[in-house]
C-alpha cells in the first residue's frame, strides 16, 4: 500500500495504490489520521488504484469517516471501480459515505 498526498487549497487528496488488508490497514489509517489532524478542511480518498480491500481496510475507512465527522471536516471517496466498488456496495458503505465519480466533484466548502 502506498499513499500519495496532493494538497489542494480546500482539501487534501490521498491517492491509495495497492492493497488495504490486515497487513497494511493500520499504516493506511495512521497516515490518513495524520492528514485529518492537519489544517485541511477535508480529505478525499482516491481509490482508483486500490487493487484489493479487506474488512480491515473497510474498518479503517469507517474510522476515518467518523474522525472526519467528529472534527467537522469533509470526507469522501472517489474512483471506486471493479471489485473495490463491489466490496463497498456489498458492505453498504456507498450508501453511508459520500462517493464521487472523480476528485473534481468533491467540494468540501459547499
N, C-alpha and C. Protein backbone atom coordinates (compact mmCIF):
# COMPACT_ATOMS: atom_id res chain seq x y z
N UNK A 1 0.85 -1.17 0.00
CA UNK A 1 0.00 0.00 0.00
C UNK A 1 0.89 1.23 0.00
N UNK A 2 0.55 2.13 -0.88
CA UNK A 2 1.27 3.40 -0.96
C UNK A 2 0.25 4.53 -0.98
N UNK A 3 0.55 5.60 -0.26
CA UNK A 3 -0.34 6.75 -0.19
C UNK A 3 0.38 7.95 -0.80
N UNK A 4 -0.23 8.54 -1.81
CA UNK A 4 0.30 9.75 -2.44
C UNK A 4 -0.61 10.90 -2.05
N UNK A 5 -0.03 11.96 -1.52
CA UNK A 5 -0.82 13.07 -0.99
C UNK A 5 -0.69 14.28 -1.90
N UNK A 6 -1.85 14.85 -2.23
CA UNK A 6 -1.92 16.07 -3.01
C UNK A 6 -2.73 17.08 -2.21
N UNK A 7 -2.10 18.18 -1.89
CA UNK A 7 -2.79 19.21 -1.10
C UNK A 7 -3.36 20.28 -2.02
N UNK A 8 -4.67 20.42 -1.96
CA UNK A 8 -5.39 21.44 -2.69
C UNK A 8 -5.72 22.56 -1.70
N UNK A 9 -6.09 23.74 -2.17
CA UNK A 9 -6.42 24.82 -1.23
C UNK A 9 -7.59 24.48 -0.29
N UNK A 10 -8.56 23.70 -0.77
CA UNK A 10 -9.75 23.43 0.03
C UNK A 10 -9.80 22.05 0.66
N UNK A 11 -8.86 21.17 0.27
CA UNK A 11 -8.87 19.81 0.81
C UNK A 11 -7.58 19.07 0.45
N UNK A 12 -7.46 17.90 0.99
CA UNK A 12 -6.32 17.03 0.70
C UNK A 12 -6.84 15.79 -0.01
N UNK A 13 -6.13 15.38 -1.05
CA UNK A 13 -6.45 14.14 -1.74
C UNK A 13 -5.39 13.11 -1.38
N UNK A 14 -5.84 11.97 -0.90
CA UNK A 14 -4.94 10.86 -0.59
C UNK A 14 -5.22 9.75 -1.59
N UNK A 15 -4.32 9.58 -2.55
CA UNK A 15 -4.47 8.55 -3.57
C UNK A 15 -3.82 7.27 -3.07
N UNK A 16 -4.60 6.22 -2.97
CA UNK A 16 -4.14 4.95 -2.43
C UNK A 16 -3.82 4.00 -3.58
N UNK A 17 -2.66 3.37 -3.51
CA UNK A 17 -2.25 2.39 -4.51
C UNK A 17 -1.94 1.07 -3.82
N UNK A 18 -2.45 -0.01 -4.38
CA UNK A 18 -2.15 -1.34 -3.85
C UNK A 18 -3.29 -1.93 -3.06
N UNK A 19 -2.92 -2.68 -2.02
CA UNK A 19 -3.90 -3.42 -1.22
C UNK A 19 -4.06 -2.77 0.15
N UNK A 20 -5.31 -2.73 0.62
CA UNK A 20 -5.58 -2.34 2.01
C UNK A 20 -6.17 -3.58 2.67
N UNK A 21 -5.33 -4.26 3.43
CA UNK A 21 -5.73 -5.52 4.06
C UNK A 21 -5.19 -5.54 5.50
N UNK A 22 -5.24 -6.68 6.13
CA UNK A 22 -4.81 -6.77 7.54
C UNK A 22 -3.36 -6.36 7.72
N UNK A 23 -2.56 -6.52 6.70
CA UNK A 23 -1.14 -6.15 6.80
C UNK A 23 -0.92 -4.65 6.67
N UNK A 24 -1.73 -3.98 5.88
CA UNK A 24 -1.49 -2.56 5.56
C UNK A 24 -2.50 -1.60 6.16
N UNK A 25 -3.62 -2.09 6.66
CA UNK A 25 -4.70 -1.21 7.12
C UNK A 25 -4.27 -0.27 8.24
N UNK A 26 -3.49 -0.75 9.19
CA UNK A 26 -3.07 0.10 10.31
C UNK A 26 -2.21 1.26 9.81
N UNK A 27 -1.30 1.00 8.90
CA UNK A 27 -0.45 2.06 8.36
C UNK A 27 -1.27 3.05 7.54
N UNK A 28 -2.19 2.52 6.72
CA UNK A 28 -3.09 3.37 5.95
C UNK A 28 -3.88 4.30 6.86
N UNK A 29 -4.47 3.72 7.92
CA UNK A 29 -5.27 4.50 8.86
C UNK A 29 -4.42 5.57 9.55
N UNK A 30 -3.23 5.20 9.98
CA UNK A 30 -2.34 6.13 10.67
C UNK A 30 -1.97 7.31 9.77
N UNK A 31 -1.60 7.03 8.54
CA UNK A 31 -1.23 8.10 7.62
C UNK A 31 -2.40 9.03 7.34
N UNK A 32 -3.59 8.47 7.16
CA UNK A 32 -4.76 9.29 6.89
C UNK A 32 -5.20 10.08 8.13
N UNK A 33 -5.04 9.49 9.31
CA UNK A 33 -5.36 10.22 10.55
C UNK A 33 -4.46 11.44 10.70
N UNK A 34 -3.20 11.29 10.31
CA UNK A 34 -2.28 12.43 10.35
C UNK A 34 -2.75 13.54 9.41
N UNK A 35 -3.27 13.15 8.25
CA UNK A 35 -3.80 14.14 7.31
C UNK A 35 -5.01 14.84 7.91
N UNK A 36 -5.89 14.07 8.55
CA UNK A 36 -7.07 14.68 9.18
C UNK A 36 -6.69 15.59 10.34
N UNK A 37 -5.59 15.29 11.00
CA UNK A 37 -5.15 16.12 12.14
C UNK A 37 -4.53 17.43 11.67
N UNK A 38 -4.17 17.51 10.40
CA UNK A 38 -3.59 18.74 9.87
C UNK A 38 -4.69 19.79 9.70
N UNK A 39 -4.32 20.92 9.14
CA UNK A 39 -5.28 22.01 9.00
C UNK A 39 -6.16 21.91 7.75
N UNK A 40 -6.17 20.77 7.10
CA UNK A 40 -7.01 20.62 5.91
C UNK A 40 -8.49 20.58 6.29
N UNK A 41 -9.35 21.27 5.52
CA UNK A 41 -10.78 21.23 5.83
C UNK A 41 -11.49 19.97 5.34
N UNK A 42 -10.80 19.18 4.53
CA UNK A 42 -11.44 17.98 4.02
C UNK A 42 -10.43 16.97 3.51
N UNK A 43 -10.85 15.71 3.48
CA UNK A 43 -10.00 14.62 2.99
C UNK A 43 -10.79 13.79 1.99
N UNK A 44 -10.21 13.61 0.82
CA UNK A 44 -10.80 12.78 -0.22
C UNK A 44 -9.87 11.60 -0.47
N UNK A 45 -10.39 10.40 -0.35
CA UNK A 45 -9.62 9.20 -0.66
C UNK A 45 -9.85 8.83 -2.12
N UNK A 46 -8.79 8.87 -2.90
CA UNK A 46 -8.87 8.46 -4.30
C UNK A 46 -8.56 6.97 -4.35
N UNK A 47 -9.57 6.19 -4.65
CA UNK A 47 -9.48 4.72 -4.59
C UNK A 47 -9.27 4.08 -5.95
N UNK A 48 -8.96 4.87 -6.96
CA UNK A 48 -8.86 4.35 -8.33
C UNK A 48 -7.77 3.29 -8.50
N UNK A 49 -6.74 3.33 -7.66
CA UNK A 49 -5.63 2.39 -7.81
C UNK A 49 -5.55 1.36 -6.69
N UNK A 50 -6.66 1.19 -5.98
CA UNK A 50 -6.70 0.13 -4.97
C UNK A 50 -6.98 -1.19 -5.68
N UNK A 51 -6.12 -2.17 -5.45
CA UNK A 51 -6.29 -3.49 -6.06
C UNK A 51 -7.23 -4.37 -5.27
N UNK A 52 -7.23 -4.17 -3.95
CA UNK A 52 -7.98 -5.07 -3.06
C UNK A 52 -8.21 -4.35 -1.74
N UNK A 53 -9.38 -4.54 -1.16
CA UNK A 53 -9.65 -4.02 0.18
C UNK A 53 -10.36 -5.10 0.98
N UNK A 54 -9.86 -5.35 2.17
CA UNK A 54 -10.44 -6.37 3.06
C UNK A 54 -11.35 -5.69 4.08
N UNK A 55 -11.93 -6.49 4.95
CA UNK A 55 -12.76 -5.94 6.02
C UNK A 55 -11.93 -5.03 6.93
N UNK A 56 -10.65 -5.33 7.09
CA UNK A 56 -9.78 -4.46 7.90
C UNK A 56 -9.64 -3.09 7.23
N UNK A 57 -9.55 -3.08 5.91
CA UNK A 57 -9.49 -1.82 5.18
C UNK A 57 -10.78 -1.05 5.26
N UNK A 58 -11.90 -1.75 5.15
CA UNK A 58 -13.21 -1.10 5.29
C UNK A 58 -13.35 -0.48 6.68
N UNK A 59 -12.90 -1.21 7.69
CA UNK A 59 -12.95 -0.68 9.06
C UNK A 59 -12.15 0.61 9.15
N UNK A 60 -10.96 0.64 8.55
CA UNK A 60 -10.13 1.84 8.59
C UNK A 60 -10.82 3.02 7.91
N UNK A 61 -11.47 2.76 6.78
CA UNK A 61 -12.20 3.82 6.08
C UNK A 61 -13.32 4.36 6.97
N UNK A 62 -14.03 3.47 7.65
CA UNK A 62 -15.10 3.90 8.54
C UNK A 62 -14.57 4.71 9.71
N UNK A 63 -13.45 4.30 10.29
CA UNK A 63 -12.81 5.04 11.38
C UNK A 63 -12.43 6.44 10.90
N UNK A 64 -11.90 6.54 9.70
CA UNK A 64 -11.52 7.84 9.14
C UNK A 64 -12.75 8.74 8.94
N UNK A 65 -13.82 8.17 8.42
CA UNK A 65 -15.04 8.94 8.21
C UNK A 65 -15.59 9.46 9.53
N UNK A 66 -15.56 8.63 10.55
CA UNK A 66 -16.05 9.05 11.87
C UNK A 66 -15.17 10.13 12.46
N UNK A 67 -13.85 10.01 12.29
CA UNK A 67 -12.93 11.04 12.80
C UNK A 67 -13.13 12.35 12.06
N UNK A 68 -13.34 12.28 10.75
CA UNK A 68 -13.59 13.50 9.98
C UNK A 68 -14.86 14.18 10.47
N UNK A 69 -15.91 13.42 10.70
CA UNK A 69 -17.16 13.99 11.19
C UNK A 69 -16.98 14.60 12.57
N UNK A 70 -16.26 13.93 13.43
CA UNK A 70 -16.02 14.45 14.78
C UNK A 70 -15.20 15.73 14.75
N UNK A 71 -14.39 15.88 13.72
CA UNK A 71 -13.54 17.07 13.57
C UNK A 71 -14.18 18.12 12.67
N UNK A 72 -15.42 17.89 12.27
CA UNK A 72 -16.15 18.79 11.36
C UNK A 72 -15.40 19.02 10.05
N UNK A 73 -14.84 17.93 9.52
CA UNK A 73 -14.13 18.01 8.26
C UNK A 73 -14.86 17.18 7.21
N UNK A 74 -14.80 17.65 5.98
CA UNK A 74 -15.43 16.92 4.87
C UNK A 74 -14.64 15.65 4.59
N UNK A 75 -15.34 14.61 4.17
CA UNK A 75 -14.71 13.34 3.86
C UNK A 75 -15.44 12.71 2.69
N UNK A 76 -14.68 12.08 1.81
CA UNK A 76 -15.31 11.41 0.68
C UNK A 76 -14.37 10.43 0.02
N UNK A 77 -14.96 9.66 -0.90
CA UNK A 77 -14.24 8.66 -1.67
C UNK A 77 -14.48 8.94 -3.14
N UNK A 78 -13.50 8.65 -3.97
CA UNK A 78 -13.70 8.74 -5.42
C UNK A 78 -12.92 7.62 -6.09
N UNK A 79 -13.25 7.39 -7.34
CA UNK A 79 -12.51 6.42 -8.13
C UNK A 79 -12.82 4.97 -7.83
N UNK A 80 -13.94 4.70 -7.19
CA UNK A 80 -14.30 3.31 -6.91
C UNK A 80 -14.67 2.61 -8.21
N UNK A 81 -14.08 1.45 -8.44
CA UNK A 81 -14.42 0.68 -9.63
C UNK A 81 -14.11 -0.79 -9.40
N UNK A 82 -14.66 -1.62 -10.26
CA UNK A 82 -14.38 -3.05 -10.21
C UNK A 82 -14.71 -3.70 -8.89
N UNK A 83 -13.84 -4.60 -8.48
CA UNK A 83 -14.04 -5.37 -7.26
C UNK A 83 -14.12 -4.47 -6.02
N UNK A 84 -13.34 -3.40 -6.01
CA UNK A 84 -13.35 -2.49 -4.85
C UNK A 84 -14.72 -1.82 -4.73
N UNK A 85 -15.29 -1.38 -5.83
CA UNK A 85 -16.63 -0.79 -5.81
C UNK A 85 -17.65 -1.81 -5.34
N UNK A 86 -17.49 -3.05 -5.78
CA UNK A 86 -18.40 -4.12 -5.36
C UNK A 86 -18.33 -4.35 -3.85
N UNK A 87 -17.13 -4.35 -3.31
CA UNK A 87 -16.96 -4.56 -1.87
C UNK A 87 -17.62 -3.42 -1.08
N UNK A 88 -17.41 -2.18 -1.51
CA UNK A 88 -18.04 -1.05 -0.83
C UNK A 88 -19.56 -1.14 -0.92
N UNK A 89 -20.08 -1.56 -2.07
CA UNK A 89 -21.53 -1.70 -2.25
C UNK A 89 -22.08 -2.82 -1.38
N UNK A 90 -21.42 -3.97 -1.36
CA UNK A 90 -21.88 -5.10 -0.54
C UNK A 90 -21.89 -4.76 0.94
N UNK A 91 -20.91 -3.95 1.36
CA UNK A 91 -20.84 -3.54 2.77
C UNK A 91 -21.81 -2.40 3.07
N UNK A 92 -22.40 -1.82 2.03
CA UNK A 92 -23.33 -0.70 2.22
C UNK A 92 -22.63 0.63 2.44
N UNK A 93 -21.31 0.66 2.29
CA UNK A 93 -20.56 1.90 2.52
C UNK A 93 -20.89 2.96 1.47
N UNK A 94 -21.25 2.54 0.27
CA UNK A 94 -21.60 3.50 -0.77
C UNK A 94 -22.90 4.23 -0.45
N UNK A 95 -23.65 3.73 0.52
CA UNK A 95 -24.90 4.36 0.93
C UNK A 95 -24.72 5.30 2.13
N UNK A 96 -23.65 5.12 2.90
CA UNK A 96 -23.46 5.92 4.12
C UNK A 96 -22.28 6.88 4.04
N UNK A 97 -21.43 6.70 3.03
CA UNK A 97 -20.29 7.60 2.84
C UNK A 97 -20.43 8.33 1.51
N UNK A 98 -19.98 9.58 1.45
CA UNK A 98 -20.05 10.31 0.18
C UNK A 98 -19.09 9.70 -0.85
N UNK A 99 -19.62 9.29 -1.99
CA UNK A 99 -18.83 8.70 -3.06
C UNK A 99 -18.97 9.58 -4.29
N UNK A 100 -17.83 9.97 -4.85
CA UNK A 100 -17.80 10.84 -6.02
C UNK A 100 -17.21 10.09 -7.20
N UNK A 101 -17.65 10.44 -8.38
CA UNK A 101 -17.13 9.81 -9.59
C UNK A 101 -15.67 10.18 -9.79
N UNK A 102 -15.35 11.45 -9.58
CA UNK A 102 -13.98 11.95 -9.80
C UNK A 102 -13.61 12.92 -8.69
N UNK A 103 -12.33 13.13 -8.51
CA UNK A 103 -11.84 14.05 -7.48
C UNK A 103 -12.38 15.47 -7.69
N UNK A 104 -12.57 15.86 -8.94
CA UNK A 104 -13.06 17.21 -9.25
C UNK A 104 -14.48 17.45 -8.74
N UNK A 105 -15.21 16.38 -8.43
CA UNK A 105 -16.59 16.52 -7.95
C UNK A 105 -16.67 16.81 -6.44
N UNK A 106 -15.56 16.69 -5.73
CA UNK A 106 -15.52 16.89 -4.28
C UNK A 106 -15.33 18.37 -3.98
N UNK A 107 -16.32 18.97 -3.31
CA UNK A 107 -16.27 20.39 -2.98
C UNK A 107 -16.62 20.57 -1.50
N UNK A 108 -15.63 20.45 -0.63
CA UNK A 108 -15.91 20.48 0.81
C UNK A 108 -16.41 21.84 1.32
N UNK A 109 -16.18 22.90 0.56
CA UNK A 109 -16.61 24.21 1.02
C UNK A 109 -18.09 24.44 0.84
N UNK A 110 -18.78 23.57 0.13
CA UNK A 110 -20.21 23.75 -0.12
C UNK A 110 -21.03 23.20 1.01
